[in-house]
PDB file of all heavy atoms in Angstrom:
ATOM      1  N   VAL A   1      -9.440  -6.302   4.167  1.00  0.00           N
ATOM      2  CA  VAL A   1      -9.937  -7.144   3.081  1.00  0.00           C
ATOM      3  C   VAL A   1      -9.966  -8.576   3.597  1.00  0.00           C
ATOM      4  O   VAL A   1      -8.920  -9.134   3.920  1.00  0.00           O
ATOM      5  CB  VAL A   1      -9.052  -7.024   1.812  1.00  0.00           C
ATOM      6  CG1 VAL A   1      -9.609  -7.873   0.684  1.00  0.00           C
ATOM      7  CG2 VAL A   1      -8.937  -5.567   1.372  1.00  0.00           C
ATOM      8  N   GLN A   2     -11.160  -9.143   3.676  1.00  0.00           N
ATOM      9  CA  GLN A   2     -11.370 -10.510   4.181  1.00  0.00           C
ATOM     10  C   GLN A   2     -10.612 -10.739   5.494  1.00  0.00           C
ATOM     11  O   GLN A   2      -9.847 -11.703   5.637  1.00  0.00           O
ATOM     12  CB  GLN A   2     -10.952 -11.534   3.117  1.00  0.00           C
ATOM     13  CG  GLN A   2     -11.857 -11.485   1.895  1.00  0.00           C
ATOM     14  CD  GLN A   2     -11.253 -12.208   0.690  1.00  0.00           C
ATOM     15  OE1 GLN A   2     -10.122 -12.656   0.714  1.00  0.00           O
ATOM     16  NE2 GLN A   2     -12.036 -12.303  -0.356  1.00  0.00           N
ATOM     17  N   GLY A   3     -10.811  -9.798   6.426  1.00  0.00           N
ATOM     18  CA  GLY A   3     -10.210  -9.913   7.751  1.00  0.00           C
ATOM     19  C   GLY A   3      -8.730  -9.603   7.816  1.00  0.00           C
ATOM     20  O   GLY A   3      -8.129  -9.620   8.882  1.00  0.00           O
ATOM     21  N   GLU A   4      -8.114  -9.309   6.652  1.00  0.00           N
ATOM     22  CA  GLU A   4      -6.691  -8.997   6.629  1.00  0.00           C
ATOM     23  C   GLU A   4      -6.493  -7.502   6.417  1.00  0.00           C
ATOM     24  O   GLU A   4      -7.161  -6.887   5.604  1.00  0.00           O
ATOM     25  CB  GLU A   4      -6.034  -9.758   5.470  1.00  0.00           C
ATOM     26  CG  GLU A   4      -4.782 -10.504   5.899  1.00  0.00           C
ATOM     27  CD  GLU A   4      -4.194 -11.302   4.751  1.00  0.00           C
ATOM     28  OE1 GLU A   4      -3.412 -10.724   3.993  1.00  0.00           O
ATOM     29  OE2 GLU A   4      -4.551 -12.492   4.611  1.00  0.00           O
ATOM     30  N   VAL A   5      -5.561  -6.917   7.144  1.00  0.00           N
ATOM     31  CA  VAL A   5      -5.306  -5.482   7.036  1.00  0.00           C
ATOM     32  C   VAL A   5      -4.272  -5.228   5.937  1.00  0.00           C
ATOM     33  O   VAL A   5      -3.211  -5.841   5.908  1.00  0.00           O
ATOM     34  CB  VAL A   5      -4.812  -4.909   8.388  1.00  0.00           C
ATOM     35  CG1 VAL A   5      -4.484  -3.434   8.267  1.00  0.00           C
ATOM     36  CG2 VAL A   5      -5.868  -5.115   9.457  1.00  0.00           C
ATOM     37  N   GLN A   6      -4.640  -4.315   5.015  1.00  0.00           N
ATOM     38  CA  GLN A   6      -3.723  -3.958   3.930  1.00  0.00           C
ATOM     39  C   GLN A   6      -3.533  -2.451   3.925  1.00  0.00           C
ATOM     40  O   GLN A   6      -4.496  -1.694   4.053  1.00  0.00           O
ATOM     41  CB  GLN A   6      -4.310  -4.375   2.577  1.00  0.00           C
ATOM     42  CG  GLN A   6      -4.234  -5.853   2.328  1.00  0.00           C
ATOM     43  CD  GLN A   6      -4.858  -6.235   0.982  1.00  0.00           C
ATOM     44  OE1 GLN A   6      -5.591  -5.454   0.388  1.00  0.00           O
ATOM     45  NE2 GLN A   6      -4.576  -7.425   0.531  1.00  0.00           N
ATOM     46  N   CYS A   7      -2.282  -2.004   3.780  1.00  0.00           N
ATOM     47  CA  CYS A   7      -2.009  -0.567   3.691  1.00  0.00           C
ATOM     48  C   CYS A   7      -2.458  -0.062   2.324  1.00  0.00           C
ATOM     49  O   CYS A   7      -2.455  -0.804   1.336  1.00  0.00           O
ATOM     50  CB  CYS A   7      -0.525  -0.298   3.882  1.00  0.00           C
ATOM     51  SG  CYS A   7       0.040  -0.636   5.568  1.00  0.00           S
ATOM     52  N   LEU A   8      -2.851   1.212   2.287  1.00  0.00           N
ATOM     53  CA  LEU A   8      -3.348   1.820   1.054  1.00  0.00           C
ATOM     54  C   LEU A   8      -2.374   2.851   0.505  1.00  0.00           C
ATOM     55  O   LEU A   8      -1.649   3.479   1.257  1.00  0.00           O
ATOM     56  CB  LEU A   8      -4.672   2.557   1.325  1.00  0.00           C
ATOM     57  CG  LEU A   8      -5.928   1.743   1.574  1.00  0.00           C
ATOM     58  CD1 LEU A   8      -7.036   2.666   2.017  1.00  0.00           C
ATOM     59  CD2 LEU A   8      -6.344   1.009   0.311  1.00  0.00           C
ATOM     60  N   CYS A   9      -2.409   3.039  -0.803  1.00  0.00           N
ATOM     61  CA  CYS A   9      -1.711   4.157  -1.444  1.00  0.00           C
ATOM     62  C   CYS A   9      -2.783   5.012  -2.109  1.00  0.00           C
ATOM     63  O   CYS A   9      -3.680   4.481  -2.768  1.00  0.00           O
ATOM     64  CB  CYS A   9      -0.711   3.655  -2.481  1.00  0.00           C
ATOM     65  SG  CYS A   9       0.737   2.905  -1.716  1.00  0.00           S
ATOM     66  N   PRO A  10      -2.715   6.347  -1.939  1.00  0.00           N
ATOM     67  CA  PRO A  10      -3.798   7.204  -2.417  1.00  0.00           C
ATOM     68  C   PRO A  10      -3.865   7.424  -3.921  1.00  0.00           C
ATOM     69  O   PRO A  10      -4.764   8.079  -4.409  1.00  0.00           O
ATOM     70  CB  PRO A  10      -3.524   8.532  -1.702  1.00  0.00           C
ATOM     71  CG  PRO A  10      -2.078   8.515  -1.429  1.00  0.00           C
ATOM     72  CD  PRO A  10      -1.691   7.094  -1.222  1.00  0.00           C
ATOM     73  N   SER A  11      -2.937   6.874  -4.686  1.00  0.00           N
ATOM     74  CA  SER A  11      -2.948   7.096  -6.129  1.00  0.00           C
ATOM     75  C   SER A  11      -2.452   5.856  -6.852  1.00  0.00           C
ATOM     76  O   SER A  11      -1.615   5.116  -6.333  1.00  0.00           O
ATOM     77  CB  SER A  11      -2.046   8.296  -6.449  1.00  0.00           C
ATOM     78  OG  SER A  11      -1.579   8.239  -7.762  1.00  0.00           O
ATOM     79  N   GLY A  12      -2.959   5.655  -8.060  1.00  0.00           N
ATOM     80  CA  GLY A  12      -2.530   4.520  -8.884  1.00  0.00           C
ATOM     81  C   GLY A  12      -1.083   4.636  -9.307  1.00  0.00           C
ATOM     82  O   GLY A  12      -0.462   3.662  -9.739  1.00  0.00           O
ATOM     83  N   GLY A  13      -0.522   5.837  -9.191  1.00  0.00           N
ATOM     84  CA  GLY A  13       0.873   6.069  -9.564  1.00  0.00           C
ATOM     85  C   GLY A  13       1.832   5.824  -8.402  1.00  0.00           C
ATOM     86  O   GLY A  13       3.018   6.130  -8.487  1.00  0.00           O
ATOM     87  N   LEU A  14       1.279   5.282  -7.300  1.00  0.00           N
ATOM     88  CA  LEU A  14       2.103   4.925  -6.139  1.00  0.00           C
ATOM     89  C   LEU A  14       1.937   3.446  -5.862  1.00  0.00           C
ATOM     90  O   LEU A  14       0.880   2.883  -6.131  1.00  0.00           O
ATOM     91  CB  LEU A  14       1.656   5.717  -4.896  1.00  0.00           C
ATOM     92  CG  LEU A  14       1.774   7.240  -4.923  1.00  0.00           C
ATOM     93  CD1 LEU A  14       1.127   7.836  -3.692  1.00  0.00           C
ATOM     94  CD2 LEU A  14       3.226   7.677  -5.016  1.00  0.00           C
ATOM     95  N   GLN A  15       2.961   2.823  -5.320  1.00  0.00           N
ATOM     96  CA  GLN A  15       2.853   1.416  -4.954  1.00  0.00           C
ATOM     97  C   GLN A  15       3.441   1.207  -3.564  1.00  0.00           C
ATOM     98  O   GLN A  15       4.290   1.984  -3.124  1.00  0.00           O
ATOM     99  CB  GLN A  15       3.564   0.533  -5.984  1.00  0.00           C
ATOM    100  CG  GLN A  15       5.062   0.769  -6.060  1.00  0.00           C
ATOM    101  CD  GLN A  15       5.720  -0.024  -7.167  1.00  0.00           C
ATOM    102  OE1 GLN A  15       5.048  -0.596  -8.007  1.00  0.00           O
ATOM    103  NE2 GLN A  15       7.033  -0.051  -7.183  1.00  0.00           N
ATOM    104  N   LEU A  16       2.975   0.176  -2.907  1.00  0.00           N
ATOM    105  CA  LEU A  16       3.497  -0.128  -1.577  1.00  0.00           C
ATOM    106  C   LEU A  16       4.966  -0.513  -1.676  1.00  0.00           C
ATOM    107  O   LEU A  16       5.356  -1.272  -2.558  1.00  0.00           O
ATOM    108  CB  LEU A  16       2.710  -1.266  -0.932  1.00  0.00           C
ATOM    109  CG  LEU A  16       1.371  -0.890  -0.281  1.00  0.00           C
ATOM    110  CD1 LEU A  16       0.673  -2.127   0.230  1.00  0.00           C
ATOM    111  CD2 LEU A  16       1.566   0.105   0.855  1.00  0.00           C
ATOM    112  N   GLY A  17       5.747   0.054  -0.789  1.00  0.00           N
ATOM    113  CA  GLY A  17       7.174  -0.240  -0.755  1.00  0.00           C
ATOM    114  C   GLY A  17       7.420  -1.632  -0.205  1.00  0.00           C
ATOM    115  O   GLY A  17       6.487  -2.326   0.217  1.00  0.00           O
ATOM    116  N   PRO A  18       8.678  -2.065  -0.167  1.00  0.00           N
ATOM    117  CA  PRO A  18       9.008  -3.413   0.321  1.00  0.00           C
ATOM    118  C   PRO A  18       8.511  -3.690   1.740  1.00  0.00           C
ATOM    119  O   PRO A  18       8.215  -4.833   2.081  1.00  0.00           O
ATOM    120  CB  PRO A  18      10.545  -3.444   0.274  1.00  0.00           C
ATOM    121  CG  PRO A  18      10.939  -2.344  -0.657  1.00  0.00           C
ATOM    122  CD  PRO A  18       9.869  -1.305  -0.572  1.00  0.00           C
ATOM    123  N   ASN A  19       8.395  -2.627   2.567  1.00  0.00           N
ATOM    124  CA  ASN A  19       7.949  -2.840   3.954  1.00  0.00           C
ATOM    125  C   ASN A  19       6.432  -3.018   4.064  1.00  0.00           C
ATOM    126  O   ASN A  19       5.907  -3.333   5.123  1.00  0.00           O
ATOM    127  CB  ASN A  19       8.418  -1.694   4.865  1.00  0.00           C
ATOM    128  CG  ASN A  19       7.844  -0.343   4.459  1.00  0.00           C
ATOM    129  OD1 ASN A  19       6.970  -0.240   3.609  1.00  0.00           O
ATOM    130  ND2 ASN A  19       8.339   0.709   5.080  1.00  0.00           N
ATOM    131  N   GLY A  20       5.698  -2.781   2.937  1.00  0.00           N
ATOM    132  CA  GLY A  20       4.246  -2.956   2.936  1.00  0.00           C
ATOM    133  C   GLY A  20       3.493  -1.878   3.690  1.00  0.00           C
ATOM    134  O   GLY A  20       2.287  -1.982   3.886  1.00  0.00           O
ATOM    135  N   ARG A  21       4.194  -0.809   4.102  1.00  0.00           N
ATOM    136  CA  ARG A  21       3.553   0.259   4.881  1.00  0.00           C
ATOM    137  C   ARG A  21       3.654   1.630   4.212  1.00  0.00           C
ATOM    138  O   ARG A  21       2.746   2.430   4.303  1.00  0.00           O
ATOM    139  CB  ARG A  21       4.170   0.344   6.281  1.00  0.00           C
ATOM    140  CG  ARG A  21       3.936  -0.884   7.147  1.00  0.00           C
ATOM    141  CD  ARG A  21       4.280  -0.628   8.592  1.00  0.00           C
ATOM    142  NE  ARG A  21       5.621  -0.097   8.795  1.00  0.00           N
ATOM    143  CZ  ARG A  21       6.713  -0.845   8.990  1.00  0.00           C
ATOM    144  NH1 ARG A  21       6.614  -2.166   8.995  1.00  0.00           N
ATOM    145  NH2 ARG A  21       7.884  -0.294   9.176  1.00  0.00           N
ATOM    146  N   THR A  22       4.789   1.901   3.582  1.00  0.00           N
ATOM    147  CA  THR A  22       4.977   3.206   2.942  1.00  0.00           C
ATOM    148  C   THR A  22       4.762   3.087   1.440  1.00  0.00           C
ATOM    149  O   THR A  22       4.916   2.003   0.864  1.00  0.00           O
ATOM    150  CB  THR A  22       6.397   3.769   3.213  1.00  0.00           C
ATOM    151  OG1 THR A  22       7.346   2.781   2.795  1.00  0.00           O
ATOM    152  CG2 THR A  22       6.598   4.100   4.677  1.00  0.00           C
ATOM    153  N   CYS A  23       4.405   4.223   0.820  1.00  0.00           N
ATOM    154  CA  CYS A  23       4.143   4.233  -0.622  1.00  0.00           C
ATOM    155  C   CYS A  23       5.304   4.871  -1.361  1.00  0.00           C
ATOM    156  O   CYS A  23       5.823   5.904  -0.949  1.00  0.00           O
ATOM    157  CB  CYS A  23       2.867   5.019  -0.906  1.00  0.00           C
ATOM    158  SG  CYS A  23       1.402   4.232  -0.209  1.00  0.00           S
ATOM    159  N   ILE A  24       5.704   4.217  -2.443  1.00  0.00           N
ATOM    160  CA  ILE A  24       6.784   4.761  -3.271  1.00  0.00           C
ATOM    161  C   ILE A  24       6.244   5.064  -4.668  1.00  0.00           C
ATOM    162  O   ILE A  24       5.284   4.456  -5.119  1.00  0.00           O
ATOM    163  CB  ILE A  24       8.016   3.813  -3.330  1.00  0.00           C
ATOM    164  CG1 ILE A  24       7.597   2.401  -3.785  1.00  0.00           C
ATOM    165  CG2 ILE A  24       8.739   3.773  -2.003  1.00  0.00           C
ATOM    166  CD1 ILE A  24       8.762   1.457  -4.055  1.00  0.00           C
ATOM    167  N   ASP A  25       6.867   6.027  -5.321  1.00  0.00           N
ATOM    168  CA  ASP A  25       6.422   6.484  -6.631  1.00  0.00           C
ATOM    169  C   ASP A  25       6.725   5.465  -7.722  1.00  0.00           C
ATOM    170  O   ASP A  25       7.768   4.827  -7.707  1.00  0.00           O
ATOM    171  CB  ASP A  25       7.120   7.816  -6.959  1.00  0.00           C
ATOM    172  CG  ASP A  25       6.736   8.348  -8.325  1.00  0.00           C
ATOM    173  OD1 ASP A  25       5.529   8.488  -8.579  1.00  0.00           O
ATOM    174  OD2 ASP A  25       7.639   8.612  -9.140  1.00  0.00           O
TER     175      ASP A  25
END
């Protein structure tokens, strides 16, 4: 996004964890 890399979560019921890489429920 605008030259910046962002990790994705495959569902709206998941959010990026504190590390910005893994998804938590």
